[in-house]
C-alpha atoms as a PDB file:
ATOM      1  CA  UNK A   1      48.771  87.274 123.970  1.00  0.00           C
ATOM      2  CA  UNK A   2      51.712  88.315 123.038  1.00  0.00           C
ATOM      3  CA  UNK A   3      51.403  92.140 119.936  1.00  0.00           C
ATOM      4  CA  UNK A   4      53.412  93.232 118.492  1.00  0.00           C
ATOM      5  CA  UNK A   5      52.596  97.053 117.575  1.00  0.00           C
ATOM      6  CA  UNK A   6      54.225  99.571 115.433  1.00  0.00           C
ATOM      7  CA  UNK A   7      53.361 102.984 113.626  1.00  0.00           C
ATOM      8  CA  UNK A   8      54.260 105.341 110.958  1.00  0.00           C
ATOM      9  CA  UNK A   9      55.729 102.718 108.660  1.00  0.00           C
ATOM     10  CA  UNK A  10      55.717 105.046 105.927  1.00  0.00           C
ATOM     11  CA  UNK A  11      56.000 102.314 103.294  1.00  0.00           C
ATOM     12  CA  UNK A  12      59.596 102.049 104.135  1.00  0.00           C
ATOM     13  CA  UNK A  13      61.388  98.762 103.258  1.00  0.00           C
ATOM     14  CA  UNK A  14      63.309  98.866 106.031  1.00  0.00           C
ATOM     15  CA  UNK A  15      60.628  99.075 108.503  1.00  0.00           C
ATOM     16  CA  UNK A  16      59.317  96.457 107.394  1.00  0.00           C
ATOM     17  CA  UNK A  17      62.282  94.214 107.615  1.00  0.00           C
ATOM     18  CA  UNK A  18      62.973  95.548 110.866  1.00  0.00           C
ATOM     19  CA  UNK A  19      59.251  94.375 111.511  1.00  0.00           C
ATOM     20  CA  UNK A  20      59.354  90.884 110.112  1.00  0.00           C
ATOM     21  CA  UNK A  21      62.731  90.364 111.968  1.00  0.00           C
ATOM     22  CA  UNK A  22      61.174  91.635 115.231  1.00  0.00           C
ATOM     23  CA  UNK A  23      57.977  88.777 114.588  1.00  0.00           C
ATOM     24  CA  UNK A  24      60.794  86.220 114.423  1.00  0.00           C
ATOM     25  CA  UNK A  25      62.291  86.460 117.254  1.00  0.00           C
ATOM     26  CA  UNK A  26      59.218  87.553 119.629  1.00  0.00           C
ATOM     27  CA  UNK A  27      57.021  85.446 117.724  1.00  0.00           C
ATOM     28  CA  UNK A  28      53.276  87.675 118.340  1.00  0.00           C
ATOM     29  CA  UNK A  29      50.436  86.764 118.051  1.00  0.00           C
ATOM     30  CA  UNK A  30      49.048  89.390 115.835  1.00  0.00           C
ATOM     31  CA  UNK A  31      50.872  93.119 114.305  1.00  0.00           C
ATOM     32  CA  UNK A  32      49.080  95.846 115.339  1.00  0.00           C
ATOM     33  CA  UNK A  33      50.124  98.899 112.810  1.00  0.00           C
ATOM     34  CA  UNK A  34      48.483 102.300 114.120  1.00  0.00           C
ATOM     35  CA  UNK A  35      48.238 104.203 111.020  1.00  0.00           C
ATOM     36  CA  UNK A  36      50.773 106.053 108.228  1.00  0.00           C
ATOM     37  CA  UNK A  37      51.385 102.896 107.053  1.00  0.00           C
ATOM     38  CA  UNK A  38      52.460 104.359 103.659  1.00  0.00           C
ATOM     39  CA  UNK A  39      53.989 107.497 102.330  1.00  0.00           C
ATOM     40  CA  UNK A  40      50.671 108.197 100.262  1.00  0.00           C
ATOM     41  CA  UNK A  41      52.248 106.313  97.292  1.00  0.00           C
ATOM     42  CA  UNK A  42      52.722 102.844  95.996  1.00  0.00           C
ATOM     43  CA  UNK A  43      50.568 101.684  99.207  1.00  0.00           C
ATOM     44  CA  UNK A  44      49.909  98.777  96.892  1.00  0.00           C
ATOM     45  CA  UNK A  45      53.511  97.462  97.219  1.00  0.00           C
ATOM     46  CA  UNK A  46      54.075  98.095 101.014  1.00  0.00           C
ATOM     47  CA  UNK A  47      50.639  95.914 101.384  1.00  0.00           C
ATOM     48  CA  UNK A  48      52.096  93.044  99.301  1.00  0.00           C
ATOM     49  CA  UNK A  49      55.127  93.012 102.065  1.00  0.00           C
ATOM     50  CA  UNK A  50      53.396  93.506 104.021  1.00  0.00           C
ATOM     51  CA  UNK A  51      50.579  90.324 103.311  1.00  0.00           C
ATOM     52  CA  UNK A  52      53.786  88.066 102.935  1.00  0.00           C
ATOM     53  CA  UNK A  53      55.308  88.753 105.862  1.00  0.00           C
ATOM     54  CA  UNK A  54      51.191  87.861 107.555  1.00  0.00           C
ATOM     55  CA  UNK A  55      51.257  84.726 106.282  1.00  0.00           C
ATOM     56  CA  UNK A  56      55.007  83.720 107.177  1.00  0.00           C
ATOM     57  CA  UNK A  57      55.119  84.739 110.669  1.00  0.00           C
ATOM     58  CA  UNK A  58      51.553  82.901 110.394  1.00  0.00           C
ATOM     59  CA  UNK A  59      49.836  85.890 112.501  1.00  0.00           C
ATOM     60  CA  UNK A  60      46.841  89.008 111.496  1.00  0.00           C
ATOM     61  CA  UNK A  61      47.934  92.145 110.991  1.00  0.00           C
ATOM     62  CA  UNK A  62      45.414  94.646 112.515  1.00  0.00           C
ATOM     63  CA  UNK A  63      45.626  98.149 110.886  1.00  0.00           C
ATOM     64  CA  UNK A  64      44.115 101.725 110.926  1.00  0.00           C
ATOM     65  CA  UNK A  65      45.048 104.457 108.503  1.00  0.00           C
ATOM     66  CA  UNK A  66      46.893 107.433 109.398  1.00  0.00           C
ATOM     67  CA  UNK A  67      47.105 111.074 107.066  1.00  0.00           C
ATOM     68  CA  UNK A  68      49.797 109.692 105.005  1.00  0.00           C
ATOM     69  CA  UNK A  69      47.303 106.528 104.153  1.00  0.00           C
ATOM     70  CA  UNK A  70      44.717 107.395 100.934  1.00  0.00           C
ATOM     71  CA  UNK A  71      41.237 105.991 101.959  1.00  0.00           C
ATOM     72  CA  UNK A  72      41.923 104.115  98.086  1.00  0.00           C
ATOM     73  CA  UNK A  73      44.059 102.068  99.711  1.00  0.00           C
ATOM     74  CA  UNK A  74      41.091 100.624 101.968  1.00  0.00           C
ATOM     75  CA  UNK A  75      39.904  98.323  99.171  1.00  0.00           C
ATOM     76  CA  UNK A  76      43.570  97.323  98.889  1.00  0.00           C
ATOM     77  CA  UNK A  77      43.663  96.134 102.543  1.00  0.00           C
ATOM     78  CA  UNK A  78      40.266  93.886 101.410  1.00  0.00           C
ATOM     79  CA  UNK A  79      42.469  92.033  98.788  1.00  0.00           C
ATOM     80  CA  UNK A  80      44.485  90.222 101.847  1.00  0.00           C
ATOM     81  CA  UNK A  81      44.446  87.738 102.668  1.00  0.00           C
ATOM     82  CA  UNK A  82      46.164  88.556 106.148  1.00  0.00           C
ATOM     83  CA  UNK A  83      45.454  92.336 106.790  1.00  0.00           C
ATOM     84  CA  UNK A  84      42.240  93.850 108.723  1.00  0.00           C
ATOM     85  CA  UNK A  85      41.155  97.222 109.036  1.00  0.00           C
ATOM     86  CA  UNK A  86      39.987  98.209 111.775  1.00  0.00           C
ATOM     87  CA  UNK A  87      36.513  99.717 112.700  1.00  0.00           C
ATOM     88  CA  UNK A  88      33.473 100.757 114.504  1.00  0.00           C
ATOM     89  CA  UNK A  89      33.175  97.127 114.831  1.00  0.00           C
ATOM     90  CA  UNK A  90      35.268  94.701 117.345  1.00  0.00           C
ATOM     91  CA  UNK A  91      37.584  92.223 115.943  1.00  0.00           C
ATOM     92  CA  UNK A  92      38.117  89.823 118.428  1.00  0.00           C
ATOM     93  CA  UNK A  93      42.501  88.210 118.954  1.00  0.00           C
ATOM     94  CA  UNK A  94      42.118  85.131 121.427  1.00  0.00           C
ATOM     95  CA  UNK A  95      38.629  86.941 123.133  1.00  0.00           C
ATOM     96  CA  UNK A  96      40.357  90.501 123.068  1.00  0.00           C
ATOM     97  CA  UNK A  97      38.066  93.166 121.129  1.00  0.00           C
ATOM     98  CA  UNK A  98      40.389  95.205 119.020  1.00  0.00           C
ATOM     99  CA  UNK A  99      38.888  98.497 117.350  1.00  0.00           C
ATOM    100  CA  UNK A 100      39.842 101.807 115.692  1.00  0.00           C
ATOM    101  CA  UNK A 101      39.253 105.419 114.928  1.00  0.00           C
ATOM    102  CA  UNK A 102      40.701 105.543 110.637  1.00  0.00           C
ATOM    103  CA  UNK A 103      42.628 108.723 109.591  1.00  0.00           C
ATOM    104  CA  UNK A 104      43.275 111.749 110.906  1.00  0.00           C
ATOM    105  CA  UNK A 105      44.728 115.664 110.206  1.00  0.00           C
ATOM    106  CA  UNK A 106      47.340 117.286 111.408  1.00  0.00           C
ATOM    107  CA  UNK A 107      46.883 121.016 112.158  1.00  0.00           C
ATOM    108  CA  UNK A 108      49.441 123.432 113.600  1.00  0.00           C
ATOM    109  CA  UNK A 109      49.920 122.041 117.392  1.00  0.00           C
ATOM    110  CA  UNK A 110      46.474 120.558 117.571  1.00  0.00           C
ATOM    111  CA  UNK A 111      45.259 116.458 115.383  1.00  0.00           C
ATOM    112  CA  UNK A 112      42.232 115.320 114.542  1.00  0.00           C
ATOM    113  CA  UNK A 113      41.273 112.112 113.615  1.00  0.00           C
ATOM    114  CA  UNK A 114      39.384 113.947 111.194  1.00  0.00           C
ATOM    115  CA  UNK A 115      36.854 116.496 110.152  1.00  0.00           C
ATOM    116  CA  UNK A 116      34.262 114.414 111.496  1.00  0.00           C
ATOM    117  CA  UNK A 117      35.906 113.102 115.454  1.00  0.00           C
ATOM    118  CA  UNK A 118      32.836 113.805 117.037  1.00  0.00           C
ATOM    119  CA  UNK A 119      31.171 111.460 115.287  1.00  0.00           C
ATOM    120  CA  UNK A 120      33.211 109.029 114.604  1.00  0.00           C
ATOM    121  CA  UNK A 121      33.916 108.900 117.762  1.00  0.00           C
ATOM    122  CA  UNK A 122      30.594 108.355 118.906  1.00  0.00           C
ATOM    123  CA  UNK A 123      29.642 105.642 116.355  1.00  0.00           C
ATOM    124  CA  UNK A 124      32.851 103.528 118.583  1.00  0.00           C
ATOM    125  CA  UNK A 125      30.943 104.697 121.720  1.00  0.00           C
ATOM    126  CA  UNK A 126      28.461 101.671 121.495  1.00  0.00           C
ATOM    127  CA  UNK A 127      30.441  98.921 120.985  1.00  0.00           C
ATOM    128  CA  UNK A 128      33.563  99.774 123.799  1.00  0.00           C
ATOM    129  CA  UNK A 129      34.011  98.328 127.025  1.00  0.00           C
ATOM    130  CA  UNK A 130      37.270  97.844 129.239  1.00  0.00           C
ATOM    131  CA  UNK A 131      38.534  95.159 127.672  1.00  0.00           C
ATOM    132  CA  UNK A 132      38.901  96.889 124.374  1.00  0.00           C
ATOM    133  CA  UNK A 133      41.787  97.893 122.878  1.00  0.00           C
ATOM    134  CA  UNK A 134      41.678 101.223 121.187  1.00  0.00           C
ATOM    135  CA  UNK A 135      43.933 101.986 118.268  1.00  0.00           C
ATOM    136  CA  UNK A 136      44.595 105.702 117.086  1.00  0.00           C
ATOM    137  CA  UNK A 137      46.873 106.879 114.588  1.00  0.00           C
ATOM    138  CA  UNK A 138      47.571 110.378 116.675  1.00  0.00           C
ATOM    139  CA  UNK A 139      48.057 110.520 121.137  1.00  0.00           C
ATOM    140  CA  UNK A 140      45.304 112.389 123.257  1.00  0.00           C
ATOM    141  CA  UNK A 141      45.994 114.747 124.276  1.00  0.00           C
ATOM    142  CA  UNK A 142      49.516 115.375 126.697  1.00  0.00           C
ATOM    143  CA  UNK A 143      50.493 112.327 126.338  1.00  0.00           C
ATOM    144  CA  UNK A 144      53.370 110.840 124.595  1.00  0.00           C
ATOM    145  CA  UNK A 145      52.702 114.194 121.644  1.00  0.00           C
ATOM    146  CA  UNK A 146      55.027 117.010 122.393  1.00  0.00           C
ATOM    147  CA  UNK A 147      56.530 119.189 119.151  1.00  0.00           C
ATOM    148  CA  UNK A 148      58.732 120.466 120.735  1.00  0.00           C
ATOM    149  CA  UNK A 149      57.453 122.951 123.720  1.00  0.00           C
ATOM    150  CA  UNK A 150      53.400 122.008 122.268  1.00  0.00           C
ATOM    151  CA  UNK A 151      50.842 119.229 123.374  1.00  0.00           C
ATOM    152  CA  UNK A 152      50.098 117.967 119.705  1.00  0.00           C
ATOM    153  CA  UNK A 153      47.433 114.906 119.917  1.00  0.00           C
ATOM    154  CA  UNK A 154      43.833 115.016 120.604  1.00  0.00           C
ATOM    155  CA  UNK A 155      42.013 116.366 122.981  1.00  0.00           C
ATOM    156  CA  UNK A 156      38.529 114.992 121.613  1.00  0.00           C
ATOM    157  CA  UNK A 157      40.244 111.369 121.455  1.00  0.00           C
ATOM    158  CA  UNK A 158      41.746 112.622 125.320  1.00  0.00           C
ATOM    159  CA  UNK A 159      38.185 113.475 126.417  1.00  0.00           C
ATOM    160  CA  UNK A 160      36.304 109.967 124.860  1.00  0.00           C
ATOM    161  CA  UNK A 161      39.584 107.913 126.608  1.00  0.00           C
ATOM    162  CA  UNK A 162      38.284 109.667 129.980  1.00  0.00           C
ATOM    163  CA  UNK A 163      35.010 108.543 129.001  1.00  0.00           C
ATOM    164  CA  UNK A 164      35.403 105.354 127.371  1.00  0.00           C
ATOM    165  CA  UNK A 165      37.792 104.025 129.158  1.00  0.00           C
ATOM    166  CA  UNK A 166      38.989 101.254 127.439  1.00  0.00           C
ATOM    167  CA  UNK A 167      41.888  98.924 128.224  1.00  0.00           C
ATOM    168  CA  UNK A 168      45.196 100.629 126.298  1.00  0.00           C
ATOM    169  CA  UNK A 169      45.293 102.826 123.477  1.00  0.00           C
ATOM    170  CA  UNK A 170      47.878 102.253 120.411  1.00  0.00           C
ATOM    171  CA  UNK A 171      49.046 105.082 118.696  1.00  0.00           C
ATOM    172  CA  UNK A 172      51.821 107.176 117.159  1.00  0.00           C
ATOM    173  CA  UNK A 173      51.929 109.897 114.539  1.00  0.00           C
ATOM    174  CA  UNK A 174      55.036 111.709 117.003  1.00  0.00           C
ATOM    175  CA  UNK A 175      57.623 110.058 116.121  1.00  0.00           C
ATOM    176  CA  UNK A 176      59.921 111.462 118.659  1.00  0.00           C
ATOM    177  CA  UNK A 177      57.497 110.708 121.171  1.00  0.00           C
ATOM    178  CA  UNK A 178      57.485 106.724 121.447  1.00  0.00           C
ATOM    179  CA  UNK A 179      56.736 106.123 124.309  1.00  0.00           C
ATOM    180  CA  UNK A 180      53.894 104.976 127.440  1.00  0.00           C
ATOM    181  CA  UNK A 181      51.742 106.939 129.711  1.00  0.00           C
ATOM    182  CA  UNK A 182      48.047 106.710 131.419  1.00  0.00           C
ATOM    183  CA  UNK A 183      44.699 108.413 131.102  1.00  0.00           C
ATOM    184  CA  UNK A 184      44.347 108.408 135.216  1.00  0.00           C
ATOM    185  CA  UNK A 185      41.165 110.204 136.261  1.00  0.00           C
ATOM    186  CA  UNK A 186      39.873 106.674 136.900  1.00  0.00           C
ATOM    187  CA  UNK A 187      41.504 103.291 138.497  1.00  0.00           C
ATOM    188  CA  UNK A 188      43.993 101.644 137.031  1.00  0.00           C
ATOM    189  CA  UNK A 189      43.317 104.187 133.856  1.00  0.00           C
ATOM    190  CA  UNK A 190      43.365 103.407 129.931  1.00  0.00           C
ATOM    191  CA  UNK A 191      47.522 102.377 128.905  1.00  0.00           C
ATOM    192  CA  UNK A 192      48.209 104.314 126.157  1.00  0.00           C
ATOM    193  CA  UNK A 193      50.930 103.417 124.070  1.00  0.00           C
ATOM    194  CA  UNK A 194      52.716 105.580 121.803  1.00  0.00           C
ATOM    195  CA  UNK A 195      54.716 102.666 119.207  1.00  0.00           C
ATOM    196  CA  UNK A 196      55.578 104.748 116.009  1.00  0.00           C
ATOM    197  CA  UNK A 197      58.854 103.937 114.453  1.00  0.00           C
ATOM    198  CA  UNK A 198      61.755 106.219 114.034  1.00  0.00           C
ATOM    199  CA  UNK A 199      65.324 105.620 114.444  1.00  0.00           C
ATOM    200  CA  UNK A 200      65.680 105.389 118.540  1.00  0.00           C
ATOM    201  CA  UNK A 201      62.049 102.362 118.217  1.00  0.00           C
ATOM    202  CA  UNK A 202      61.347  99.587 116.419  1.00  0.00           C
ATOM    203  CA  UNK A 203      57.684  99.571 117.797  1.00  0.00           C
ATOM    204  CA  UNK A 204      56.463  97.783 121.435  1.00  0.00           C
ATOM    205  CA  UNK A 205      55.969  94.219 122.632  1.00  0.00           C
ATOM    206  CA  UNK A 206      52.523  94.127 124.727  1.00  0.00           C
ATOM    207  CA  UNK A 207      52.450  90.973 126.681  1.00  0.00           C
ATOM    208  CA  UNK A 208      48.790  90.651 128.283  1.00  0.00           C
ATOM    209  CA  UNK A 209      47.965  87.526 130.741  1.00  0.00           C
ATOM    210  CA  UNK A 210      44.702  87.817 132.201  1.00  0.00           C
ATOM    211  CA  UNK A 211      44.891  89.314 136.183  1.00  0.00           C
ATOM    212  CA  UNK A 212      48.690  90.553 135.692  1.00  0.00           C
ATOM    213  CA  UNK A 213      49.344  94.487 133.731  1.00  0.00           C
ATOM    214  CA  UNK A 214      50.054  95.089 130.344  1.00  0.00           C
ATOM    215  CA  UNK A 215      54.030  93.976 130.398  1.00  0.00           C
ATOM    216  CA  UNK A 216      55.401  96.943 127.537  1.00  0.00           C
ATOM    217  CA  UNK A 217      58.863  96.051 126.026  1.00  0.00           C
ATOM    218  CA  UNK A 218      59.581  99.205 123.471  1.00  0.00           C
ATOM    219  CA  UNK A 219      62.122  97.526 120.911  1.00  0.00           C
ATOM    220  CA  UNK A 220      65.675  99.647 119.759  1.00  0.00           C
ATOM    221  CA  UNK A 221      68.416  98.712 117.164  1.00  0.00           C
END
């Protein structure tokens, strides 16, 4: 299966055009957006553009809300044909379970998934397994999360990953830290892919093949 993972579109038409062009070139089986789809306002037009993109390319678009996505956007998502909001209930694509943690509250040098972060993570746990791809907006603490010299990822998310051991985490939020790393206190570890879009990164193409490690290709201009 081929995943095209992006985050931090922020409703910018140029970012959607980049995603559209990359989708035509790489032909993913699914597009995953790890939050900050919009920039607070004009979410209706952004969702309409993405829904049209998914329809043209005939792939589903799985997404979560980030800190710049109003909760009211969920009603608009429910009316689209090709977009689905991920939740604690697994959403399967070619037998692979995707789950999502919606929202984030940015704080100085820290980032929480939401005010009730521990409860949300607790709700995720019963459905998690070692094949799950978890989509969260902030990265886990210490992995692709530096703002200057400081780590700004979620400590609770890091603890959750160590306990749940999902196959992969797709995230964004820290634009300057697009890249990948591993939570490695167990074998084989969880791959973390920060797929934030910025001037130097246009998301990541991830190829999954049973019995082989994931192949990750970060797209650049």
